[in-house]
N, C-alpha and C. Protein backbone atom coordinates (compact mmCIF):
# COMPACT_ATOMS: atom_id res chain seq x y z
N MET A 1 1.03 12.68 -8.43
CA MET A 1 2.09 13.59 -8.80
C MET A 1 2.05 13.85 -10.30
N GLU A 2 1.74 12.83 -11.08
CA GLU A 2 1.72 12.99 -12.53
C GLU A 2 0.66 14.00 -12.96
N SER A 3 -0.45 14.05 -12.23
CA SER A 3 -1.51 14.99 -12.59
C SER A 3 -1.05 16.43 -12.37
N ILE A 4 -0.20 16.65 -11.39
CA ILE A 4 0.36 17.99 -11.16
C ILE A 4 1.25 18.38 -12.33
N TYR A 5 2.07 17.43 -12.77
CA TYR A 5 2.94 17.69 -13.93
C TYR A 5 2.10 18.00 -15.17
N ALA A 6 1.01 17.27 -15.34
CA ALA A 6 0.14 17.50 -16.49
C ALA A 6 -0.47 18.90 -16.42
N ALA A 7 -0.89 19.31 -15.23
CA ALA A 7 -1.46 20.65 -15.07
C ALA A 7 -0.42 21.72 -15.35
N LEU A 8 0.81 21.51 -14.88
CA LEU A 8 1.88 22.47 -15.15
C LEU A 8 2.19 22.54 -16.65
N LEU A 9 2.17 21.42 -17.31
CA LEU A 9 2.41 21.40 -18.75
C LEU A 9 1.31 22.16 -19.49
N LEU A 10 0.07 21.92 -19.11
CA LEU A 10 -1.04 22.64 -19.72
C LEU A 10 -0.92 24.14 -19.48
N HIS A 11 -0.54 24.51 -18.27
CA HIS A 11 -0.37 25.93 -17.93
C HIS A 11 0.71 26.56 -18.80
N LYS A 12 1.85 25.88 -18.91
CA LYS A 12 2.97 26.39 -19.69
C LYS A 12 2.60 26.52 -21.17
N ALA A 13 1.81 25.58 -21.68
CA ALA A 13 1.41 25.59 -23.08
C ALA A 13 0.24 26.53 -23.35
N GLY A 14 -0.33 27.10 -22.28
CA GLY A 14 -1.44 28.02 -22.45
C GLY A 14 -2.78 27.34 -22.61
N GLY A 15 -2.82 26.05 -22.29
CA GLY A 15 -4.08 25.32 -22.40
C GLY A 15 -4.94 25.50 -21.17
N LYS A 16 -6.20 25.15 -21.30
CA LYS A 16 -7.13 25.24 -20.17
C LYS A 16 -6.92 24.04 -19.25
N ILE A 17 -6.77 24.32 -17.97
CA ILE A 17 -6.56 23.25 -17.01
C ILE A 17 -7.92 22.81 -16.48
N ASN A 18 -8.37 21.67 -17.00
CA ASN A 18 -9.62 21.07 -16.53
C ASN A 18 -9.42 19.56 -16.49
N GLU A 19 -10.40 18.87 -15.95
CA GLU A 19 -10.28 17.42 -15.76
C GLU A 19 -10.03 16.68 -17.08
N ALA A 20 -10.75 17.04 -18.10
CA ALA A 20 -10.62 16.36 -19.39
C ALA A 20 -9.23 16.54 -19.98
N ASN A 21 -8.71 17.77 -19.93
CA ASN A 21 -7.39 18.02 -20.51
C ASN A 21 -6.27 17.36 -19.72
N VAL A 22 -6.37 17.37 -18.40
CA VAL A 22 -5.35 16.70 -17.59
C VAL A 22 -5.37 15.20 -17.88
N GLU A 23 -6.56 14.65 -18.00
CA GLU A 23 -6.69 13.22 -18.31
C GLU A 23 -6.10 12.90 -19.69
N LYS A 24 -6.32 13.77 -20.66
CA LYS A 24 -5.76 13.56 -22.00
C LYS A 24 -4.24 13.57 -21.98
N VAL A 25 -3.65 14.50 -21.23
CA VAL A 25 -2.19 14.58 -21.15
C VAL A 25 -1.64 13.32 -20.50
N LEU A 26 -2.25 12.88 -19.41
CA LEU A 26 -1.78 11.67 -18.73
C LEU A 26 -1.91 10.44 -19.62
N THR A 27 -3.01 10.34 -20.33
CA THR A 27 -3.22 9.21 -21.24
C THR A 27 -2.18 9.22 -22.36
N ALA A 28 -1.94 10.40 -22.91
CA ALA A 28 -0.96 10.51 -24.00
C ALA A 28 0.45 10.16 -23.52
N ALA A 29 0.73 10.43 -22.26
CA ALA A 29 2.05 10.12 -21.72
C ALA A 29 2.17 8.68 -21.25
N GLY A 30 1.06 7.96 -21.26
CA GLY A 30 1.07 6.56 -20.83
C GLY A 30 1.06 6.40 -19.33
N ALA A 31 0.66 7.44 -18.62
CA ALA A 31 0.62 7.40 -17.16
C ALA A 31 -0.73 6.87 -16.68
N LYS A 32 -0.74 6.40 -15.45
CA LYS A 32 -1.97 5.91 -14.85
C LYS A 32 -2.87 7.10 -14.53
N VAL A 33 -4.14 7.01 -14.88
CA VAL A 33 -5.09 8.10 -14.66
C VAL A 33 -5.89 7.80 -13.40
N ASP A 34 -5.77 8.68 -12.41
CA ASP A 34 -6.53 8.57 -11.17
C ASP A 34 -7.52 9.74 -11.16
N LYS A 35 -8.76 9.44 -11.53
CA LYS A 35 -9.77 10.50 -11.70
C LYS A 35 -10.05 11.24 -10.39
N ASP A 36 -10.01 10.55 -9.26
CA ASP A 36 -10.25 11.21 -7.98
C ASP A 36 -9.15 12.24 -7.70
N GLN A 37 -7.93 11.88 -8.00
CA GLN A 37 -6.81 12.79 -7.79
C GLN A 37 -6.92 14.02 -8.70
N ILE A 38 -7.36 13.79 -9.93
CA ILE A 38 -7.52 14.89 -10.88
C ILE A 38 -8.60 15.85 -10.40
N VAL A 39 -9.71 15.32 -9.91
CA VAL A 39 -10.81 16.15 -9.41
C VAL A 39 -10.31 17.02 -8.25
N LYS A 40 -9.55 16.42 -7.33
CA LYS A 40 -9.02 17.18 -6.19
C LYS A 40 -8.04 18.25 -6.66
N LEU A 41 -7.21 17.92 -7.62
CA LEU A 41 -6.24 18.88 -8.15
C LEU A 41 -6.94 20.08 -8.77
N ILE A 42 -7.92 19.83 -9.61
CA ILE A 42 -8.64 20.91 -10.29
C ILE A 42 -9.36 21.78 -9.26
N ALA A 43 -9.94 21.16 -8.24
CA ALA A 43 -10.62 21.93 -7.20
C ALA A 43 -9.62 22.81 -6.44
N GLY A 44 -8.43 22.28 -6.19
CA GLY A 44 -7.41 23.04 -5.48
C GLY A 44 -6.83 24.18 -6.30
N LEU A 45 -6.86 24.05 -7.61
CA LEU A 45 -6.28 25.08 -8.48
C LEU A 45 -7.27 26.18 -8.88
N LYS A 46 -8.55 26.00 -8.56
CA LYS A 46 -9.56 26.97 -8.99
C LYS A 46 -9.25 28.38 -8.49
N GLN A 47 -8.83 28.54 -7.26
CA GLN A 47 -8.56 29.85 -6.68
C GLN A 47 -7.07 30.16 -6.62
N ALA A 48 -6.23 29.30 -7.19
CA ALA A 48 -4.78 29.47 -7.08
C ALA A 48 -4.21 30.16 -8.31
N ASP A 49 -3.13 30.91 -8.08
CA ASP A 49 -2.37 31.53 -9.16
C ASP A 49 -1.12 30.68 -9.37
N ILE A 50 -1.10 29.89 -10.43
CA ILE A 50 -0.02 28.94 -10.65
C ILE A 50 1.33 29.63 -10.76
N ASP A 51 1.38 30.78 -11.39
CA ASP A 51 2.64 31.50 -11.51
C ASP A 51 3.20 31.88 -10.14
N GLU A 52 2.34 32.29 -9.23
CA GLU A 52 2.78 32.63 -7.87
C GLU A 52 3.26 31.39 -7.13
N ILE A 53 2.58 30.27 -7.33
CA ILE A 53 2.98 29.02 -6.68
C ILE A 53 4.37 28.61 -7.16
N ILE A 54 4.61 28.74 -8.45
CA ILE A 54 5.92 28.38 -9.01
C ILE A 54 7.00 29.30 -8.47
N LYS A 55 6.72 30.60 -8.41
CA LYS A 55 7.71 31.54 -7.88
C LYS A 55 8.05 31.25 -6.42
N SER A 56 7.05 30.96 -5.62
CA SER A 56 7.29 30.71 -4.20
C SER A 56 7.94 29.35 -3.97
N ALA A 57 7.74 28.41 -4.88
CA ALA A 57 8.35 27.08 -4.72
C ALA A 57 9.86 27.15 -4.85
N GLY A 58 10.36 28.08 -5.65
CA GLY A 58 11.81 28.22 -5.81
C GLY A 58 12.50 28.75 -4.57
N SER A 59 11.77 29.40 -3.69
CA SER A 59 12.37 29.97 -2.49
C SER A 59 12.13 29.12 -1.25
N MET A 60 11.48 27.99 -1.39
CA MET A 60 11.19 27.14 -0.24
C MET A 60 12.44 26.37 0.17
N PRO A 61 12.64 26.19 1.47
CA PRO A 61 13.81 25.43 1.93
C PRO A 61 13.67 23.95 1.57
N VAL A 62 14.78 23.30 1.35
CA VAL A 62 14.80 21.89 1.00
C VAL A 62 14.95 21.08 2.27
N MET A 63 14.14 20.04 2.41
CA MET A 63 14.24 19.18 3.60
C MET A 63 15.32 18.14 3.39
N VAL A 64 16.03 17.84 4.45
CA VAL A 64 17.10 16.86 4.40
C VAL A 64 16.57 15.55 4.97
N ALA A 65 16.89 14.44 4.31
CA ALA A 65 16.47 13.12 4.78
C ALA A 65 17.22 12.76 6.06
N PRO A 66 16.58 12.03 6.95
CA PRO A 66 17.27 11.59 8.16
C PRO A 66 18.50 10.75 7.82
N ALA A 67 19.51 10.80 8.67
CA ALA A 67 20.78 10.13 8.40
C ALA A 67 20.62 8.63 8.22
N GLY A 68 19.71 8.02 8.93
CA GLY A 68 19.52 6.57 8.83
C GLY A 68 19.13 6.13 7.44
N GLU A 69 18.31 6.89 6.77
CA GLU A 69 17.88 6.54 5.42
C GLU A 69 19.03 6.67 4.43
N LYS A 70 19.86 7.67 4.63
CA LYS A 70 20.99 7.88 3.71
C LYS A 70 21.96 6.71 3.77
N THR A 71 22.32 6.29 4.97
CA THR A 71 23.29 5.19 5.10
C THR A 71 22.71 3.90 4.56
N GLU A 72 21.41 3.70 4.75
CA GLU A 72 20.77 2.50 4.23
C GLU A 72 20.80 2.48 2.71
N LYS A 73 20.55 3.62 2.09
CA LYS A 73 20.59 3.71 0.63
C LYS A 73 22.00 3.50 0.11
N LYS A 74 23.01 4.04 0.82
CA LYS A 74 24.39 3.86 0.40
C LYS A 74 24.77 2.39 0.45
N LYS A 75 24.33 1.68 1.48
CA LYS A 75 24.62 0.25 1.60
C LYS A 75 24.01 -0.52 0.43
N GLU A 76 22.77 -0.15 0.06
CA GLU A 76 22.11 -0.83 -1.05
C GLU A 76 22.85 -0.59 -2.35
N LYS A 77 23.27 0.65 -2.59
CA LYS A 77 24.00 0.97 -3.82
C LYS A 77 25.33 0.22 -3.86
N LYS A 78 26.02 0.14 -2.73
CA LYS A 78 27.31 -0.56 -2.67
C LYS A 78 27.11 -2.03 -2.99
N LYS A 79 26.03 -2.61 -2.45
CA LYS A 79 25.72 -4.02 -2.69
C LYS A 79 25.43 -4.25 -4.17
N GLU A 80 24.69 -3.32 -4.80
CA GLU A 80 24.37 -3.43 -6.22
C GLU A 80 25.63 -3.35 -7.07
N LYS A 81 26.56 -2.46 -6.69
CA LYS A 81 27.81 -2.33 -7.44
C LYS A 81 28.62 -3.62 -7.34
N GLU A 82 28.69 -4.20 -6.15
CA GLU A 82 29.44 -5.44 -5.97
C GLU A 82 28.86 -6.56 -6.82
N GLU A 83 27.52 -6.63 -6.87
CA GLU A 83 26.88 -7.66 -7.68
C GLU A 83 27.15 -7.43 -9.16
N ALA A 84 27.16 -6.19 -9.58
CA ALA A 84 27.40 -5.87 -10.98
C ALA A 84 28.82 -6.23 -11.39
N VAL A 85 29.79 -6.08 -10.49
CA VAL A 85 31.18 -6.38 -10.80
C VAL A 85 31.37 -7.88 -10.95
N GLU A 86 30.64 -8.67 -10.22
CA GLU A 86 30.80 -10.12 -10.26
C GLU A 86 30.35 -10.72 -11.59
N GLU A 87 29.41 -10.09 -12.27
CA GLU A 87 28.89 -10.62 -13.52
C GLU A 87 29.83 -10.32 -14.67
N GLU A 88 30.08 -11.30 -15.52
CA GLU A 88 30.92 -11.11 -16.70
C GLU A 88 30.08 -10.46 -17.79
N PRO A 89 30.60 -9.43 -18.43
CA PRO A 89 29.84 -8.79 -19.51
C PRO A 89 29.73 -9.72 -20.72
N THR A 90 28.56 -9.67 -21.34
CA THR A 90 28.35 -10.48 -22.54
C THR A 90 27.86 -9.57 -23.65
N GLY A 91 27.88 -10.05 -24.85
CA GLY A 91 27.41 -9.27 -25.99
C GLY A 91 28.33 -8.11 -26.26
N ILE A 92 27.75 -6.98 -26.61
CA ILE A 92 28.56 -5.81 -26.96
C ILE A 92 29.32 -5.27 -25.76
N GLY A 93 28.83 -5.51 -24.57
CA GLY A 93 29.51 -5.06 -23.36
C GLY A 93 30.85 -5.73 -23.15
N SER A 94 31.06 -6.91 -23.70
CA SER A 94 32.32 -7.61 -23.53
C SER A 94 33.46 -6.96 -24.35
N LEU A 95 33.10 -6.11 -25.28
CA LEU A 95 34.12 -5.44 -26.10
C LEU A 95 34.85 -4.37 -25.32
N PHE A 96 34.27 -3.87 -24.27
CA PHE A 96 34.87 -2.77 -23.53
C PHE A 96 35.52 -3.28 -22.30
């Protein structure tokens, strides 16, 4: 996913989207560089119009997560909140 972001950044900045430049952006950002993924990305973008892809992405429907996953995530968040309340604040947090 990071390599896609790097390609989009290069596109927006007017830079050439190639393997070396995508790798440089990822390295500069401190992200993990997966050369196989970069090669596949560049091959997929050779015949693509990035501006058209971006325009069409805004009109795509959003998928909704299944209900089971939502309730499970809510339970986890509730549990985390309860644990956070039990701990006494220390340091600067104790002032508030």
